[in-house]
Protein backbone atom coordinates (compact mmCIF):
# COMPACT_ATOMS: atom_id res chain seq x y z
CA MET A 1 -0.35 -0.05 -0.10
CA THR A 2 1.18 3.20 -0.11
CA ILE A 3 0.82 5.58 1.60
CA GLY A 4 0.18 9.78 0.15
CA ARG A 5 1.67 12.71 1.05
CA VAL A 6 -1.74 13.89 3.18
CA GLU A 7 -1.32 10.45 5.37
CA ILE A 8 2.40 11.61 6.33
CA ALA A 9 1.35 15.14 6.92
CA VAL A 10 -1.70 13.93 9.08
CA VAL A 11 0.33 11.70 11.23
CA LEU A 12 3.02 14.25 11.26
CA LEU A 13 0.97 16.21 12.97
CA PHE A 14 -0.77 13.86 15.32
CA LEU A 15 2.99 13.34 16.58
CA VAL A 16 3.69 16.93 16.99
CA GLY A 17 0.23 17.80 18.30
CA CYS A 18 1.06 14.83 21.09
CA GLY A 19 4.75 15.68 21.98
CA ALA A 20 6.73 14.52 24.75
CA PRO A 21 4.48 14.35 28.39
CA ALA A 22 4.89 16.73 30.73
CA ALA A 23 7.42 17.05 33.47
CA ALA A 24 5.82 17.69 37.05
CA PRO A 25 6.15 20.26 39.11
CA ALA A 26 8.67 19.93 41.59
CA PRO A 27 7.09 19.74 45.21
CA PRO A 28 7.33 23.06 47.10
CA THR A 29 10.07 23.45 49.00
CA SER A 30 9.11 26.40 51.35
CA THR A 31 6.17 27.96 52.14
CA PRO A 32 5.69 31.39 49.99
CA ALA A 33 6.15 34.95 51.77
CA PRO A 34 2.78 36.91 52.43
CA PRO A 35 2.41 39.62 49.51
CA THR A 36 3.50 43.26 50.24
CA LEU A 37 1.60 45.65 49.84
CA THR A 38 3.21 49.03 48.12
CA PRO A 39 1.92 52.71 47.98
CA VAL A 40 1.04 54.10 45.21
CA PRO A 41 1.46 57.57 44.53
CA PRO A 42 -1.37 59.61 44.17
CA THR A 43 -1.85 60.75 40.80
CA LEU A 44 -4.23 63.87 40.57
CA THR A 45 -3.18 66.87 42.56
CA PRO A 46 -4.71 68.11 46.21
CA ILE A 47 -6.29 70.84 46.48
CA PRO A 48 -4.74 73.33 48.48
CA PRO A 49 -6.99 74.34 51.94
CA THR A 50 -9.59 77.49 51.99
CA PRO A 51 -7.42 80.37 54.07
CA THR A 52 -9.49 81.69 56.72
CA PRO A 53 -10.10 85.05 56.48
CA VAL A 54 -8.90 87.72 58.51
CA PRO A 55 -11.12 89.54 60.66
CA PRO A 56 -11.34 93.37 59.58
CA THR A 57 -9.26 96.29 61.41
CA SER A 58 -11.54 98.50 63.61
CA THR A 59 -9.78 101.51 61.07
CA PRO A 60 -11.16 101.29 57.86
CA VAL A 61 -7.62 101.88 55.24
CA PRO A 62 -8.81 103.52 52.36
CA SER A 63 -8.25 101.64 48.96
CA THR A 64 -7.56 105.06 47.06
CA PRO A 65 -6.23 108.44 47.40
CA THR A 66 -8.24 111.10 48.60
CA PRO A 67 -8.32 113.70 46.05
CA PRO A 68 -7.03 117.13 46.70
CA ALA A 69 -10.11 119.57 48.10
CA ALA A 70 -11.39 122.65 46.51
CA ALA A 71 -9.74 125.90 47.97
CA PRO A 72 -13.05 127.18 49.99
CA SER A 73 -12.30 130.95 49.51
CA ALA A 74 -9.62 133.61 48.30
CA GLU A 75 -8.76 134.55 51.37
CA LYS A 76 -7.48 130.90 51.34
CA LEU A 77 -5.06 132.18 48.54
CA ILE A 78 -3.82 135.39 49.48
CA GLY A 79 -0.33 135.33 50.42
CA THR A 80 3.09 134.66 48.87
CA TRP A 81 3.69 130.97 47.16
CA GLU A 82 6.57 129.77 46.04
CA PRO A 83 6.59 126.38 43.23
CA VAL A 84 7.06 123.56 44.88
CA THR A 85 9.37 122.16 41.38
CA LYS A 86 11.77 124.67 40.61
CA SER A 87 11.87 123.69 36.80
CA ARG A 88 13.12 127.36 34.48
CA ASP A 89 9.40 128.48 34.01
CA ALA A 90 8.10 128.14 37.21
CA MET A 91 7.17 131.55 38.75
CA PHE A 92 6.69 132.98 42.29
CA LEU A 93 2.90 134.10 42.99
CA LEU A 94 1.88 136.61 45.10
CA PHE A 95 -1.69 137.11 45.55
CA ASN A 96 -3.30 140.12 47.78
CA ALA A 97 -6.76 140.96 49.36
CA ASP A 98 -7.41 143.84 47.47
CA GLY A 99 -7.85 141.60 44.25
CA THR A 100 -3.92 142.09 42.89
CA CYS A 101 -1.35 139.67 41.95
CA ARG A 102 1.99 139.48 40.79
CA GLN A 103 4.21 136.41 39.26
CA ALA A 104 7.82 136.51 39.19
CA TYR A 105 10.82 134.09 39.36
CA SER A 106 12.26 135.26 42.08
CA LEU A 107 11.15 136.00 45.87
CA LYS A 108 13.31 139.19 45.30
CA GLU A 109 11.73 140.32 42.17
CA LEU A 110 8.02 139.49 43.36
CA THR A 111 8.43 142.23 45.82
CA THR A 112 10.70 144.79 43.18
CA VAL A 113 10.01 144.21 40.04
CA PRO A 114 7.56 141.73 38.87
CA GLN A 115 7.18 139.92 35.21
CA VAL A 116 3.22 140.22 35.45
CA GLU A 117 1.40 142.51 37.37
CA CYS A 118 -2.18 140.98 37.12
CA THR A 119 -5.22 141.09 38.74
CA TYR A 120 -7.41 137.98 39.76
CA THR A 121 -10.58 136.93 40.14
CA PHE A 122 -11.69 133.81 42.26
CA ALA A 123 -15.43 132.02 42.41
CA GLY A 124 -15.95 128.88 43.98
CA THR A 125 -13.09 126.67 42.48
CA ASP A 126 -12.22 129.07 39.34
CA LEU A 127 -9.96 131.30 39.53
CA SER A 128 -9.18 133.63 36.79
CA ILE A 129 -5.51 136.21 36.48
CA THR A 130 -5.45 139.22 33.87
CA ALA A 131 -2.23 140.41 33.33
CA VAL A 132 -2.29 144.37 33.33
CA LYS A 133 2.09 144.60 33.41
CA LEU A 134 4.35 142.73 31.60
CA ASN A 135 7.90 143.29 32.55
CA GLY A 136 10.25 140.95 30.42
CA VAL A 137 8.08 138.62 29.35
CA PRO A 138 5.97 138.18 25.79
CA GLU A 139 2.35 139.23 26.07
CA CYS A 140 -0.29 136.55 25.42
CA PRO A 141 -2.77 136.63 22.66
CA SER A 142 -4.96 136.89 26.01
CA ALA A 143 -5.05 138.89 28.87
CA THR A 144 -6.99 136.25 31.17
CA GLY A 145 -5.67 132.60 31.93
CA LYS A 146 -8.56 130.79 33.69
CA TYR A 147 -7.36 127.69 36.35
CA ALA A 148 -8.97 125.15 38.71
CA VAL A 149 -7.40 126.09 42.33
CA GLN A 150 -6.85 122.29 44.26
CA VAL A 151 -6.12 122.31 48.03
CA VAL A 152 -3.45 119.70 48.68
CA ALA A 153 -2.35 120.48 52.40
CA ASP A 154 -2.91 122.78 54.89
CA ASN A 155 -0.19 125.00 53.12
CA GLN A 156 -0.35 123.85 49.53
CA ILE A 157 -2.36 124.64 46.55
CA LYS A 158 -2.12 123.24 42.87
CA LEU A 159 -3.52 125.28 39.96
CA VAL A 160 -4.80 123.94 36.87
CA ALA A 161 -4.98 125.23 33.55
CA THR A 162 -9.02 124.82 32.67
CA GLN A 163 -9.06 127.15 30.23
CA ASP A 164 -5.58 129.72 28.76
CA THR A 165 -3.98 129.54 25.48
CA CYS A 166 -1.15 131.31 26.47
CA ALA A 167 1.48 128.70 26.73
CA PRO A 168 3.99 130.96 28.31
CA ARG A 169 1.93 131.47 30.79
CA LYS A 170 0.55 128.21 31.26
CA ARG A 171 3.51 126.73 31.66
CA SER A 172 4.93 129.52 34.31
CA THR A 173 1.36 128.96 36.57
CA VAL A 174 0.31 125.54 36.54
CA GLY A 175 1.97 123.21 39.20
CA ALA A 176 2.04 123.11 42.86
CA TYR A 177 2.88 126.02 45.32
CA GLN A 178 3.64 125.90 48.98
CA ARG A 179 3.33 129.16 51.08
CA VAL A 180 6.09 131.21 51.86
CA PRO A 181 5.89 132.02 55.67
């Protein structure tokens, strides 16, 4: 009888599938160690605790500076004022009770020969200065400049231009001033 290729292949598969008998497992020689637990680090970031609120103090602290107050009357302006910032354009000011004023680059010139002799009016916070006589300074197209007066401290004021088309007068007048004792 002849054996065909198919039969040989089936016999070979049978022999390969049966294989050699498996070896018996070795008997245990010692008691196995108990399993140990290993901590696993957390994967989420913990939420920080809510901060404890601080109780309010008995004296409230203002969060914004108090704006300068307006000058209450013309009497507050009467006297001699020197510029806080000593720029080359800044002038000393003298306001008299009779409504006249003077502007000069030095305290000495203010009392001797001022650069500007003027008149002023004051209503509410509005100060109007009108040049009457000029000594060594250019004439302005408009004789009058208008300024807002603010009290910065007991002996300090600030002049802010509200309507003045004369640039030299504006530069020499705008700014902070302190009273000359």
